C-alpha atoms as a PDB file:
ATOM      1  CA  MET A   1      20.841  38.105  38.160  1.00  0.00           C
ATOM      2  CA  PRO A   2      19.975  39.599  34.899  1.00  0.00           C
ATOM      3  CA  THR A   3      18.160  38.219  31.961  1.00  0.00           C
ATOM      4  CA  VAL A   4      19.288  38.552  28.400  1.00  0.00           C
ATOM      5  CA  PRO A   5      17.353  38.377  26.012  1.00  0.00           C
ATOM      6  CA  THR A   6      17.874  35.546  23.418  1.00  0.00           C
ATOM      7  CA  GLY A   7      18.969  37.872  20.489  1.00  0.00           C
ATOM      8  CA  TRP A   8      21.753  39.834  22.655  1.00  0.00           C
ATOM      9  CA  VAL A   9      23.936  36.244  23.153  1.00  0.00           C
ATOM     10  CA  ASP A  10      26.568  36.458  20.841  1.00  0.00           C
ATOM     11  CA  GLN A  11      26.967  32.069  20.734  1.00  0.00           C
ATOM     12  CA  GLU A  12      29.790  32.641  18.044  1.00  0.00           C
ATOM     13  CA  LYS A  13      31.745  34.374  21.289  1.00  0.00           C
ATOM     14  CA  ILE A  14      30.561  31.400  23.550  1.00  0.00           C
ATOM     15  CA  ARG A  15      31.434  28.974  20.872  1.00  0.00           C
ATOM     16  CA  THR A  16      34.950  30.235  20.741  1.00  0.00           C
ATOM     17  CA  SER A  17      35.623  30.730  24.315  1.00  0.00           C
ATOM     18  CA  VAL A  18      33.816  26.806  24.507  1.00  0.00           C
ATOM     19  CA  ARG A  19      36.959  25.540  22.179  1.00  0.00           C
ATOM     20  CA  LYS A  20      39.757  27.487  23.404  1.00  0.00           C
ATOM     21  CA  ALA A  21      38.058  25.625  27.120  1.00  0.00           C
ATOM     22  CA  GLN A  22      38.259  22.352  25.086  1.00  0.00           C
ATOM     23  CA  ARG A  23      41.820  22.807  23.622  1.00  0.00           C
ATOM     24  CA  ALA A  24      43.275  23.954  27.020  1.00  0.00           C
ATOM     25  CA  LEU A  25      41.728  20.457  28.895  1.00  0.00           C
ATOM     26  CA  GLU A  26      42.933  18.215  26.257  1.00  0.00           C
ATOM     27  CA  PRO A  27      43.785  15.234  26.667  1.00  0.00           C
ATOM     28  CA  ASP A  28      41.134  14.687  29.776  1.00  0.00           C
ATOM     29  CA  VAL A  29      38.074  16.303  27.438  1.00  0.00           C
ATOM     30  CA  VAL A  30      37.568  14.598  23.917  1.00  0.00           C
ATOM     31  CA  ARG A  31      34.872  17.359  23.090  1.00  0.00           C
ATOM     32  CA  ILE A  32      32.814  20.061  24.942  1.00  0.00           C
ATOM     33  CA  MET A  33      28.923  21.305  22.808  1.00  0.00           C
ATOM     34  CA  PHE A  34      26.609  23.473  24.565  1.00  0.00           C
ATOM     35  CA  SER A  35      22.931  24.264  23.817  1.00  0.00           C
ATOM     36  CA  TYR A  36      21.572  27.925  24.453  1.00  0.00           C
ATOM     37  CA  ALA A  37      17.956  27.020  25.797  1.00  0.00           C
ATOM     38  CA  ARG A  38      15.969  28.179  28.559  1.00  0.00           C
ATOM     39  CA  ASP A  39      16.087  25.868  31.921  1.00  0.00           C
ATOM     40  CA  SER A  40      13.146  24.234  33.991  1.00  0.00           C
ATOM     41  CA  GLU A  41      12.506  27.638  35.929  1.00  0.00           C
ATOM     42  CA  GLY A  42      12.383  29.236  32.256  1.00  0.00           C
ATOM     43  CA  GLU A  43      15.849  31.235  32.645  1.00  0.00           C
ATOM     44  CA  ASN A  44      18.276  31.676  29.779  1.00  0.00           C
ATOM     45  CA  SER A  45      20.745  28.985  30.414  1.00  0.00           C
ATOM     46  CA  LEU A  46      23.952  27.254  28.921  1.00  0.00           C
ATOM     47  CA  PHE A  47      23.943  23.170  28.730  1.00  0.00           C
ATOM     48  CA  PHE A  48      27.231  21.823  28.565  1.00  0.00           C
ATOM     49  CA  ARG A  49      27.914  18.004  27.490  1.00  0.00           C
ATOM     50  CA  VAL A  50      31.513  17.242  27.705  1.00  0.00           C
ATOM     51  CA  LEU A  51      32.933  14.187  26.173  1.00  0.00           C
ATOM     52  CA  LEU A  52      35.882  12.915  28.560  1.00  0.00           C
ATOM     53  CA  SER A  53      38.521  10.962  27.450  1.00  0.00           C
ATOM     54  CA  ASP A  54      38.293   7.055  29.296  1.00  0.00           C
ATOM     55  CA  SER A  55      41.179   7.625  31.371  1.00  0.00           C
ATOM     56  CA  ALA A  56      39.949  10.891  32.979  1.00  0.00           C
ATOM     57  CA  SER A  57      36.541   9.090  33.361  1.00  0.00           C
ATOM     58  CA  VAL A  58      38.190   6.378  36.069  1.00  0.00           C
ATOM     59  CA  PRO A  59      36.403   6.964  39.944  1.00  0.00           C
ATOM     60  CA  ALA A  60      39.516   8.060  41.426  1.00  0.00           C
ATOM     61  CA  LYS A  61      39.815  10.926  39.145  1.00  0.00           C
ATOM     62  CA  LEU A  62      36.466  12.498  37.970  1.00  0.00           C
ATOM     63  CA  ARG A  63      35.628  14.689  40.352  1.00  0.00           C
ATOM     64  CA  GLN A  64      39.067  16.503  39.898  1.00  0.00           C
ATOM     65  CA  THR A  65      38.716  16.405  36.528  1.00  0.00           C
ATOM     66  CA  THR A  66      35.032  17.365  36.283  1.00  0.00           C
ATOM     67  CA  GLN A  67      35.717  20.249  39.174  1.00  0.00           C
ATOM     68  CA  LYS A  68      38.601  21.466  36.684  1.00  0.00           C
ATOM     69  CA  ILE A  69      36.526  21.203  33.312  1.00  0.00           C
ATOM     70  CA  MET A  70      33.544  23.443  34.864  1.00  0.00           C
ATOM     71  CA  GLN A  71      36.384  26.011  36.151  1.00  0.00           C
ATOM     72  CA  LYS A  72      37.899  26.660  32.931  1.00  0.00           C
ATOM     73  CA  VAL A  73      34.591  26.586  30.902  1.00  0.00           C
ATOM     74  CA  ALA A  74      33.632  29.327  33.457  1.00  0.00           C
ATOM     75  CA  GLN A  75      36.418  31.006  33.025  1.00  0.00           C
ATOM     76  CA  GLU A  76      36.359  31.310  29.470  1.00  0.00           C
ATOM     77  CA  VAL A  77      32.599  31.634  28.440  1.00  0.00           C
ATOM     78  CA  LYS A  78      31.693  34.111  31.545  1.00  0.00           C
ATOM     79  CA  ALA A  79      28.112  33.070  31.581  1.00  0.00           C
ATOM     80  CA  HIS A  80      27.290  34.406  34.601  1.00  0.00           C
ATOM     81  CA  GLU A  81      28.491  38.032  33.376  1.00  0.00           C
ATOM     82  CA  LEU A  82      25.728  37.358  30.571  1.00  0.00           C
ATOM     83  CA  GLY A  83      23.541  36.660  33.230  1.00  0.00           C
ATOM     84  CA  LEU A  84      23.046  33.153  32.202  1.00  0.00           C
ATOM     85  CA  HIS A  85      22.905  30.008  34.300  1.00  0.00           C
ATOM     86  CA  VAL A  86      25.298  27.285  32.993  1.00  0.00           C
ATOM     87  CA  TYR A  87      24.700  23.349  33.609  1.00  0.00           C
ATOM     88  CA  PHE A  88      26.996  20.448  33.161  1.00  0.00           C
ATOM     89  CA  ASN A  89      26.295  16.682  31.686  1.00  0.00           C
ATOM     90  CA  PHE A  90      29.393  14.908  31.572  1.00  0.00           C
ATOM     91  CA  ARG A  91      29.440  11.805  30.056  1.00  0.00           C
ATOM     92  CA  SER A  92      32.770   9.341  29.020  1.00  0.00           C
ATOM     93  CA  LYS A  93      34.119   7.899  25.441  1.00  0.00           C
ATOM     94  CA  SER A  94      33.272   4.643  25.915  1.00  0.00           C
ATOM     95  CA  GLU A  95      29.903   5.268  27.350  1.00  0.00           C
ATOM     96  CA  GLN A  96      29.067   7.317  24.307  1.00  0.00           C
ATOM     97  CA  LEU A  97      30.609   4.782  22.183  1.00  0.00           C
ATOM     98  CA  MET A  98      27.891   2.044  23.694  1.00  0.00           C
ATOM     99  CA  LEU A  99      24.533   4.502  23.969  1.00  0.00           C
ATOM    100  CA  LYS A 100      25.205   5.948  20.654  1.00  0.00           C
ATOM    101  CA  ASP A 101      23.639   8.863  21.368  1.00  0.00           C
ATOM    102  CA  PRO A 102      23.098  11.607  18.725  1.00  0.00           C
ATOM    103  CA  PHE A 103      22.847  14.107  20.900  1.00  0.00           C
ATOM    104  CA  TRP A 104      26.186  13.587  21.931  1.00  0.00           C
ATOM    105  CA  GLU A 105      27.748  13.772  18.526  1.00  0.00           C
ATOM    106  CA  ARG A 106      27.041  17.725  18.062  1.00  0.00           C
END
């Protein structure tokens, strides 16, 4: 997979694609945030933080929900076409209210 220099990634286009995916995934998704950085192996990567509704986070539904989200985000963002690795982290709305992690608020 080719590596893309930081200056060549259109972050506004990625932001627009993420917003489109988020709208399509409502009400299961409260918010999708992302960071552009190098991963532990030095590869250019997108790190997604997905805040889920509490109803989408129930154990019986969680795997199906997260798979659907990853597929939709990949379809909209097309990160692999840009030579970017993709990572996802998920958290429920209740979990975030309890943890109050500021990184999950941006």
